[in-house]
Amino acid sequence: MALRRSKIPRDAVHHPLFARVYARLSVAADLRGGVAAHREELLAGLSGRVIEIGAGNGLNFAHYPSAVSEVVAIEPERSLRRLAAQAALDADVPVDVVPGVAEALPVKAEAYDAAVVSLVLCSVRNLPRALAEIARVLRPGGELRFFEHGIGASRSLRGTQRALDRTVWPLLFGGCHTARDPLAAIAAAGFEIERHRRLHVPEKGLKLPSSPCVLGIARKPHPS
């Protein structure tokens, strides 16, 4: 595994209360909210060396296809990292869970065939820097798989999301922001969007400020 020494403290992100709540809600969302099927779609067809940024409690691990030779899973929050390490033991592919933050990934440049972000770009502290780091660690032509929630389609929802982001939402949900536009940010970082689709989580029932999502594949371009 191509790791490098990071200047970021091991616990630069620490949300123990949110981590406990998230661990329970995420499992319920997978079982009853259809999120497990989205994880399966997100990871289908991957192969080679993969880095997952913001692995949370490791719910993606069970969905990696056998063609993946190695997953390095970055998780900054201590409680979630412990749960991810437990989930890694049951994965069908080798998974190494390590501390780190998206803005300073503790791995070497151009070391991975693919990167995965799953409901994490909403909470990184510096989104452009995080995406620049992902581009750094991907080989030319490498894939960025993304499943993220973000800005809504209607003006009223966008207004609500922005108001929540300025007030209570990040405080209650571990730094999460609902009004970010992950698709635009990925394109602005220089990735080529190959395909994507928009969806809602949950697909039926009550819609939340975090319900609008986008799932797709982008690619780091080869040097011209």
C-alpha atoms as a PDB file:
ATOM      1  CA  MET A   1       0.000   0.000   0.000  1.00  0.00           C
ATOM      2  CA  ALA A   2       1.427   3.357  -1.088  1.00  0.00           C
ATOM      3  CA  LEU A   3       1.017   5.493   2.016  1.00  0.00           C
ATOM      4  CA  ARG A   4       2.780   8.729   2.793  1.00  0.00           C
ATOM      5  CA  ARG A   5       3.282  10.655   6.004  1.00  0.00           C
ATOM      6  CA  SER A   6       0.497  13.208   6.589  1.00  0.00           C
ATOM      7  CA  LYS A   7       0.682  16.418   8.601  1.00  0.00           C
ATOM      8  CA  ILE A   8      -3.013  16.117   9.487  1.00  0.00           C
ATOM      9  CA  PRO A   9      -3.698  14.924  13.085  1.00  0.00           C
ATOM     10  CA  ARG A  10      -5.163  11.439  13.362  1.00  0.00           C
ATOM     11  CA  ASP A  11      -8.390  12.826  14.820  1.00  0.00           C
ATOM     12  CA  ALA A  12      -8.780  16.035  12.837  1.00  0.00           C
ATOM     13  CA  VAL A  13     -12.490  15.142  12.593  1.00  0.00           C
ATOM     14  CA  HIS A  14     -14.217  14.083  15.793  1.00  0.00           C
ATOM     15  CA  HIS A  15     -18.013  13.814  15.983  1.00  0.00           C
ATOM     16  CA  PRO A  16     -18.662  10.942  18.427  1.00  0.00           C
ATOM     17  CA  LEU A  17     -22.378  11.652  18.953  1.00  0.00           C
ATOM     18  CA  PHE A  18     -23.075  12.075  15.248  1.00  0.00           C
ATOM     19  CA  ALA A  19     -21.003   8.976  14.494  1.00  0.00           C
ATOM     20  CA  ARG A  20     -23.219   6.831  16.735  1.00  0.00           C
ATOM     21  CA  VAL A  21     -26.402   8.209  15.193  1.00  0.00           C
ATOM     22  CA  TYR A  22     -25.055   7.924  11.649  1.00  0.00           C
ATOM     23  CA  ALA A  23     -24.013   4.320  12.175  1.00  0.00           C
ATOM     24  CA  ARG A  24     -27.585   3.380  13.077  1.00  0.00           C
ATOM     25  CA  LEU A  25     -29.336   5.503  10.461  1.00  0.00           C
ATOM     26  CA  SER A  26     -27.062   4.399   7.629  1.00  0.00           C
ATOM     27  CA  VAL A  27     -27.741   0.723   8.292  1.00  0.00           C
ATOM     28  CA  ALA A  28     -31.482   1.418   8.349  1.00  0.00           C
ATOM     29  CA  ALA A  29     -31.215   3.396   5.105  1.00  0.00           C
ATOM     30  CA  ASP A  30     -29.434   0.487   3.446  1.00  0.00           C
ATOM     31  CA  LEU A  31     -32.056  -2.009   4.565  1.00  0.00           C
ATOM     32  CA  ARG A  32     -35.254   0.009   4.130  1.00  0.00           C
ATOM     33  CA  GLY A  33     -34.338   3.060   2.063  1.00  0.00           C
ATOM     34  CA  GLY A  34     -32.845   1.364  -0.967  1.00  0.00           C
ATOM     35  CA  VAL A  35     -29.341   2.740  -0.402  1.00  0.00           C
ATOM     36  CA  ALA A  36     -27.724  -0.704  -0.598  1.00  0.00           C
ATOM     37  CA  ALA A  37     -28.827  -0.967  -4.244  1.00  0.00           C
ATOM     38  CA  HIS A  38     -27.252   2.421  -4.967  1.00  0.00           C
ATOM     39  CA  ARG A  39     -23.989   1.244  -3.394  1.00  0.00           C
ATOM     40  CA  GLU A  40     -24.075  -1.826  -5.635  1.00  0.00           C
ATOM     41  CA  GLU A  41     -24.560   0.369  -8.707  1.00  0.00           C
ATOM     42  CA  LEU A  42     -21.846   2.769  -7.560  1.00  0.00           C
ATOM     43  CA  LEU A  43     -19.179   0.064  -7.320  1.00  0.00           C
ATOM     44  CA  ALA A  44     -20.199  -2.267 -10.150  1.00  0.00           C
ATOM     45  CA  GLY A  45     -17.394  -3.028 -12.600  1.00  0.00           C
ATOM     46  CA  LEU A  46     -14.526  -1.653 -10.522  1.00  0.00           C
ATOM     47  CA  SER A  47     -11.161  -3.365 -10.679  1.00  0.00           C
ATOM     48  CA  GLY A  48      -7.583  -2.883  -9.537  1.00  0.00           C
ATOM     49  CA  ARG A  49      -6.506  -0.630  -6.666  1.00  0.00           C
ATOM     50  CA  VAL A  50      -9.216   1.575  -5.173  1.00  0.00           C
ATOM     51  CA  ILE A  51      -9.151   4.371  -2.617  1.00  0.00           C
ATOM     52  CA  GLU A  52     -12.389   5.178  -0.795  1.00  0.00           C
ATOM     53  CA  ILE A  53     -12.551   8.607   0.827  1.00  0.00           C
ATOM     54  CA  GLY A  54     -14.751   8.979   3.881  1.00  0.00           C
ATOM     55  CA  ALA A  55     -15.577   5.303   4.291  1.00  0.00           C
ATOM     56  CA  GLY A  56     -17.811   5.914   7.326  1.00  0.00           C
ATOM     57  CA  ASN A  57     -18.794   2.652   8.979  1.00  0.00           C
ATOM     58  CA  GLY A  58     -17.775   0.605   5.950  1.00  0.00           C
ATOM     59  CA  LEU A  59     -21.134  -0.157   4.354  1.00  0.00           C
ATOM     60  CA  ASN A  60     -19.626  -0.046   0.862  1.00  0.00           C
ATOM     61  CA  PHE A  61     -17.151  -2.827   1.589  1.00  0.00           C
ATOM     62  CA  ALA A  62     -19.619  -5.671   1.021  1.00  0.00           C
ATOM     63  CA  HIS A  63     -20.373  -4.395  -2.490  1.00  0.00           C
ATOM     64  CA  TYR A  64     -16.876  -4.279  -3.988  1.00  0.00           C
ATOM     65  CA  PRO A  65     -16.538  -6.733  -6.903  1.00  0.00           C
ATOM     66  CA  SER A  66     -13.929  -9.469  -6.792  1.00  0.00           C
ATOM     67  CA  ALA A  67     -11.859  -7.804  -9.542  1.00  0.00           C
ATOM     68  CA  VAL A  68     -10.810  -5.162  -6.994  1.00  0.00           C
ATOM     69  CA  SER A  69      -7.356  -6.140  -5.738  1.00  0.00           C
ATOM     70  CA  GLU A  70      -7.152  -3.689  -2.823  1.00  0.00           C
ATOM     71  CA  VAL A  71      -9.223  -0.981  -1.123  1.00  0.00           C
ATOM     72  CA  VAL A  72      -7.583   1.699   0.982  1.00  0.00           C
ATOM     73  CA  ALA A  73     -10.409   3.240   2.997  1.00  0.00           C
ATOM     74  CA  ILE A  74      -9.779   6.689   4.472  1.00  0.00           C
ATOM     75  CA  GLU A  75     -11.908   7.656   7.474  1.00  0.00           C
ATOM     76  CA  PRO A  76     -11.082  10.612   9.762  1.00  0.00           C
ATOM     77  CA  GLU A  77     -13.654   9.995  12.528  1.00  0.00           C
ATOM     78  CA  ARG A  78     -12.399   7.600  15.191  1.00  0.00           C
ATOM     79  CA  SER A  79     -15.687   5.893  16.064  1.00  0.00           C
ATOM     80  CA  LEU A  80     -16.658   5.346  12.435  1.00  0.00           C
ATOM     81  CA  ARG A  81     -13.134   4.184  11.615  1.00  0.00           C
ATOM     82  CA  ARG A  82     -13.420   1.490  14.289  1.00  0.00           C
ATOM     83  CA  LEU A  83     -16.699   0.269  12.792  1.00  0.00           C
ATOM     84  CA  ALA A  84     -15.188   0.327   9.301  1.00  0.00           C
ATOM     85  CA  ALA A  85     -12.262  -1.783  10.467  1.00  0.00           C
ATOM     86  CA  GLN A  86     -14.731  -4.369  11.764  1.00  0.00           C
ATOM     87  CA  ALA A  87     -16.632  -4.331   8.466  1.00  0.00           C
ATOM     88  CA  ALA A  88     -13.370  -4.796   6.578  1.00  0.00           C
ATOM     89  CA  LEU A  89     -12.864  -8.170   8.260  1.00  0.00           C
ATOM     90  CA  ASP A  90     -15.972  -9.510   6.519  1.00  0.00           C
ATOM     91  CA  ALA A  91     -15.275  -8.010   3.077  1.00  0.00           C
ATOM     92  CA  ASP A  92     -14.609 -10.289   0.116  1.00  0.00           C
ATOM     93  CA  VAL A  93     -11.738  -8.060  -1.051  1.00  0.00           C
ATOM     94  CA  PRO A  94      -8.718  -6.783   0.926  1.00  0.00           C
ATOM     95  CA  VAL A  95      -9.633  -3.548   2.743  1.00  0.00           C
ATOM     96  CA  ASP A  96      -7.208  -1.464   4.796  1.00  0.00           C
ATOM     97  CA  VAL A  97      -8.869   1.240   6.917  1.00  0.00           C
ATOM     98  CA  VAL A  98      -6.574   4.157   7.742  1.00  0.00           C
ATOM     99  CA  PRO A  99      -6.983   7.629   9.301  1.00  0.00           C
ATOM    100  CA  GLY A 100      -6.806  10.706   7.112  1.00  0.00           C
ATOM    101  CA  VAL A 101      -8.803  13.562   5.658  1.00  0.00           C
ATOM    102  CA  ALA A 102      -9.891  14.212   2.091  1.00  0.00           C
ATOM    103  CA  GLU A 103      -7.887  17.417   1.814  1.00  0.00           C
ATOM    104  CA  ALA A 104      -4.568  15.661   2.566  1.00  0.00           C
ATOM    105  CA  LEU A 105      -4.804  12.021   1.554  1.00  0.00           C
ATOM    106  CA  PRO A 106      -1.956   9.994   3.111  1.00  0.00           C
ATOM    107  CA  VAL A 107      -1.114   8.129  -0.107  1.00  0.00           C
ATOM    108  CA  LYS A 108       1.264   8.596  -3.022  1.00  0.00           C
ATOM    109  CA  ALA A 109       0.369  10.299  -6.298  1.00  0.00           C
ATOM    110  CA  GLU A 110      -1.118   8.340  -9.198  1.00  0.00           C
ATOM    111  CA  ALA A 111      -1.287   5.181  -7.094  1.00  0.00           C
ATOM    112  CA  TYR A 112      -4.922   4.150  -7.690  1.00  0.00           C
ATOM    113  CA  ASP A 113      -7.087   2.963 -10.549  1.00  0.00           C
ATOM    114  CA  ALA A 114     -10.272   4.343  -9.025  1.00  0.00           C
ATOM    115  CA  ALA A 115     -11.521   6.554  -6.208  1.00  0.00           C
ATOM    116  CA  VAL A 116     -14.889   6.295  -4.482  1.00  0.00           C
ATOM    117  CA  VAL A 117     -16.816   9.043  -2.680  1.00  0.00           C
ATOM    118  CA  SER A 118     -20.131   8.108  -1.150  1.00  0.00           C
ATOM    119  CA  LEU A 119     -22.143  10.713   0.768  1.00  0.00           C
ATOM    120  CA  VAL A 120     -18.944  12.440   1.868  1.00  0.00           C
ATOM    121  CA  LEU A 121     -18.348  15.534  -0.302  1.00  0.00           C
ATOM    122  CA  CYS A 122     -21.126  17.281   1.632  1.00  0.00           C
ATOM    123  CA  SER A 123     -18.981  17.330   4.766  1.00  0.00           C
ATOM    124  CA  VAL A 124     -15.397  17.904   3.646  1.00  0.00           C
ATOM    125  CA  ARG A 125     -14.056  21.224   4.883  1.00  0.00           C
ATOM    126  CA  ASN A 126     -12.550  22.318   1.565  1.00  0.00           C
ATOM    127  CA  LEU A 127     -14.307  20.736  -1.414  1.00  0.00           C
ATOM    128  CA  PRO A 128     -11.996  21.993  -4.213  1.00  0.00           C
ATOM    129  CA  ARG A 129      -8.913  20.899  -2.292  1.00  0.00           C
ATOM    130  CA  ALA A 130     -10.421  17.473  -1.573  1.00  0.00           C
ATOM    131  CA  LEU A 131     -11.175  16.924  -5.255  1.00  0.00           C
ATOM    132  CA  ALA A 132      -7.679  18.104  -6.184  1.00  0.00           C
ATOM    133  CA  GLU A 133      -6.279  15.484  -3.816  1.00  0.00           C
ATOM    134  CA  ILE A 134      -8.428  12.793  -5.406  1.00  0.00           C
ATOM    135  CA  ALA A 135      -7.111  13.838  -8.810  1.00  0.00           C
ATOM    136  CA  ARG A 136      -3.551  13.683  -7.454  1.00  0.00           C
ATOM    137  CA  VAL A 137      -3.807  10.093  -6.227  1.00  0.00           C
ATOM    138  CA  LEU A 138      -5.584   8.747  -9.333  1.00  0.00           C
ATOM    139  CA  ARG A 139      -3.580   7.518 -12.287  1.00  0.00           C
ATOM    140  CA  PRO A 140      -4.359   9.259 -15.604  1.00  0.00           C
ATOM    141  CA  GLY A 141      -7.563   7.752 -16.942  1.00  0.00           C
ATOM    142  CA  GLY A 142      -8.590   6.597 -13.466  1.00  0.00           C
ATOM    143  CA  GLU A 143     -12.242   6.643 -12.439  1.00  0.00           C
ATOM    144  CA  LEU A 144     -13.981   8.697  -9.783  1.00  0.00           C
ATOM    145  CA  ARG A 145     -17.161   6.935  -8.669  1.00  0.00           C
ATOM    146  CA  PHE A 146     -19.552   9.260  -6.838  1.00  0.00           C
ATOM    147  CA  PHE A 147     -22.845   8.933  -4.974  1.00  0.00           C
ATOM    148  CA  GLU A 148     -23.553  12.259  -3.309  1.00  0.00           C
ATOM    149  CA  HIS A 149     -26.438  14.374  -2.118  1.00  0.00           C
ATOM    150  CA  GLY A 150     -26.605  18.043  -3.024  1.00  0.00           C
ATOM    151  CA  ILE A 151     -28.482  21.069  -4.256  1.00  0.00           C
ATOM    152  CA  GLY A 152     -32.173  20.629  -5.048  1.00  0.00           C
ATOM    153  CA  ALA A 153     -33.964  21.345  -8.303  1.00  0.00           C
ATOM    154  CA  SER A 154     -36.592  23.798  -7.076  1.00  0.00           C
ATOM    155  CA  ARG A 155     -35.940  27.361  -5.971  1.00  0.00           C
ATOM    156  CA  SER A 156     -37.811  26.832  -2.696  1.00  0.00           C
ATOM    157  CA  LEU A 157     -35.794  23.745  -1.790  1.00  0.00           C
ATOM    158  CA  ARG A 158     -32.508  25.464  -2.650  1.00  0.00           C
ATOM    159  CA  GLY A 159     -33.472  28.380  -0.417  1.00  0.00           C
ATOM    160  CA  THR A 160     -34.267  26.019   2.439  1.00  0.00           C
ATOM    161  CA  GLN A 161     -31.011  24.140   1.964  1.00  0.00           C
ATOM    162  CA  ARG A 162     -28.915  27.320   1.998  1.00  0.00           C
ATOM    163  CA  ALA A 163     -30.659  28.572   5.116  1.00  0.00           C
ATOM    164  CA  LEU A 164     -30.053  25.265   6.888  1.00  0.00           C
ATOM    165  CA  ASP A 165     -26.399  25.238   5.840  1.00  0.00           C
ATOM    166  CA  ARG A 166     -25.911  28.673   7.417  1.00  0.00           C
ATOM    167  CA  THR A 167     -27.506  27.621  10.697  1.00  0.00           C
ATOM    168  CA  VAL A 168     -28.220  24.253  12.280  1.00  0.00           C
ATOM    169  CA  TRP A 169     -27.627  21.531   9.705  1.00  0.00           C
ATOM    170  CA  PRO A 170     -23.795  21.311   9.836  1.00  0.00           C
ATOM    171  CA  LEU A 171     -23.897  21.433  13.635  1.00  0.00           C
ATOM    172  CA  LEU A 172     -26.402  18.591  13.874  1.00  0.00           C
ATOM    173  CA  PHE A 173     -25.012  16.386  11.120  1.00  0.00           C
ATOM    174  CA  GLY A 174     -21.252  16.301  11.503  1.00  0.00           C
ATOM    175  CA  GLY A 175     -20.385  19.201   9.199  1.00  0.00           C
ATOM    176  CA  CYS A 176     -22.767  18.151   6.408  1.00  0.00           C
ATOM    177  CA  HIS A 177     -23.950  20.788   3.903  1.00  0.00           C
ATOM    178  CA  THR A 178     -27.089  20.238   1.845  1.00  0.00           C
ATOM    179  CA  ALA A 179     -26.669  22.963  -0.805  1.00  0.00           C
ATOM    180  CA  ARG A 180     -23.384  21.909  -2.384  1.00  0.00           C
ATOM    181  CA  ASP A 181     -23.351  20.962  -6.059  1.00  0.00           C
ATOM    182  CA  PRO A 182     -21.109  17.877  -6.275  1.00  0.00           C
ATOM    183  CA  LEU A 183     -21.513  17.422 -10.028  1.00  0.00           C
ATOM    184  CA  ALA A 184     -20.414  20.988 -10.785  1.00  0.00           C
ATOM    185  CA  ALA A 185     -17.543  20.719  -8.294  1.00  0.00           C
ATOM    186  CA  ILE A 186     -16.274  17.486  -9.846  1.00  0.00           C
ATOM    187  CA  ALA A 187     -16.333  19.050 -13.309  1.00  0.00           C
ATOM    188  CA  ALA A 188     -14.636  22.226 -12.033  1.00  0.00           C
ATOM    189  CA  ALA A 189     -11.849  20.068 -10.575  1.00  0.00           C
ATOM    190  CA  GLY A 190     -10.975  18.912 -14.087  1.00  0.00           C
ATOM    191  CA  PHE A 191     -12.692  15.532 -14.146  1.00  0.00           C
ATOM    192  CA  GLU A 192     -14.580  14.440 -17.230  1.00  0.00           C
ATOM    193  CA  ILE A 193     -18.133  13.394 -16.320  1.00  0.00           C
ATOM    194  CA  GLU A 194     -18.870  10.180 -18.205  1.00  0.00           C
ATOM    195  CA  ARG A 195     -22.371   9.504 -16.966  1.00  0.00           C
ATOM    196  CA  HIS A 196     -24.639  10.309 -14.067  1.00  0.00           C
ATOM    197  CA  ARG A 197     -28.222  10.084 -12.953  1.00  0.00           C
ATOM    198  CA  ARG A 198     -30.214  12.025 -10.408  1.00  0.00           C
ATOM    199  CA  LEU A 199     -32.274  10.309  -7.735  1.00  0.00           C
ATOM    200  CA  HIS A 200     -33.836  10.866  -4.348  1.00  0.00           C
ATOM    201  CA  VAL A 201     -33.076   9.107  -1.073  1.00  0.00           C
ATOM    202  CA  PRO A 202     -35.465   7.864   0.071  1.00  0.00           C
ATOM    203  CA  GLU A 203     -37.169   7.405  -3.283  1.00  0.00           C
ATOM    204  CA  LYS A 204     -40.626   7.349  -1.684  1.00  0.00           C
ATOM    205  CA  GLY A 205     -42.132   9.028   1.320  1.00  0.00           C
ATOM    206  CA  LEU A 206     -40.881  12.083   3.147  1.00  0.00           C
ATOM    207  CA  LYS A 207     -38.336  14.148   1.216  1.00  0.00           C
ATOM    208  CA  LEU A 208     -35.532  15.686   3.259  1.00  0.00           C
ATOM    209  CA  PRO A 209     -33.179  18.602   2.462  1.00  0.00           C
ATOM    210  CA  SER A 210     -30.548  15.899   1.857  1.00  0.00           C
ATOM    211  CA  SER A 211     -32.750  13.774  -0.422  1.00  0.00           C
ATOM    212  CA  PRO A 212     -31.609  15.048  -3.870  1.00  0.00           C
ATOM    213  CA  CYS A 213     -28.667  12.875  -4.964  1.00  0.00           C
ATOM    214  CA  VAL A 214     -26.494  12.236  -7.988  1.00  0.00           C
ATOM    215  CA  LEU A 215     -24.765   8.950  -8.821  1.00  0.00           C
ATOM    216  CA  GLY A 216     -22.227   8.543 -11.585  1.00  0.00           C
ATOM    217  CA  ILE A 217     -18.734   8.108 -12.975  1.00  0.00           C
ATOM    218  CA  ALA A 218     -16.104  10.735 -13.812  1.00  0.00           C
ATOM    219  CA  ARG A 219     -12.595  10.197 -15.123  1.00  0.00           C
ATOM    220  CA  LYS A 220      -9.252  11.885 -14.628  1.00  0.00           C
ATOM    221  CA  PRO A 221      -8.154  12.903 -18.137  1.00  0.00           C
ATOM    222  CA  HIS A 222      -4.883  11.794 -19.669  1.00  0.00           C
ATOM    223  CA  PRO A 223      -2.312  14.568 -20.115  1.00  0.00           C
ATOM    224  CA  SER A 224      -2.710  16.283 -23.478  1.00  0.00           C
END
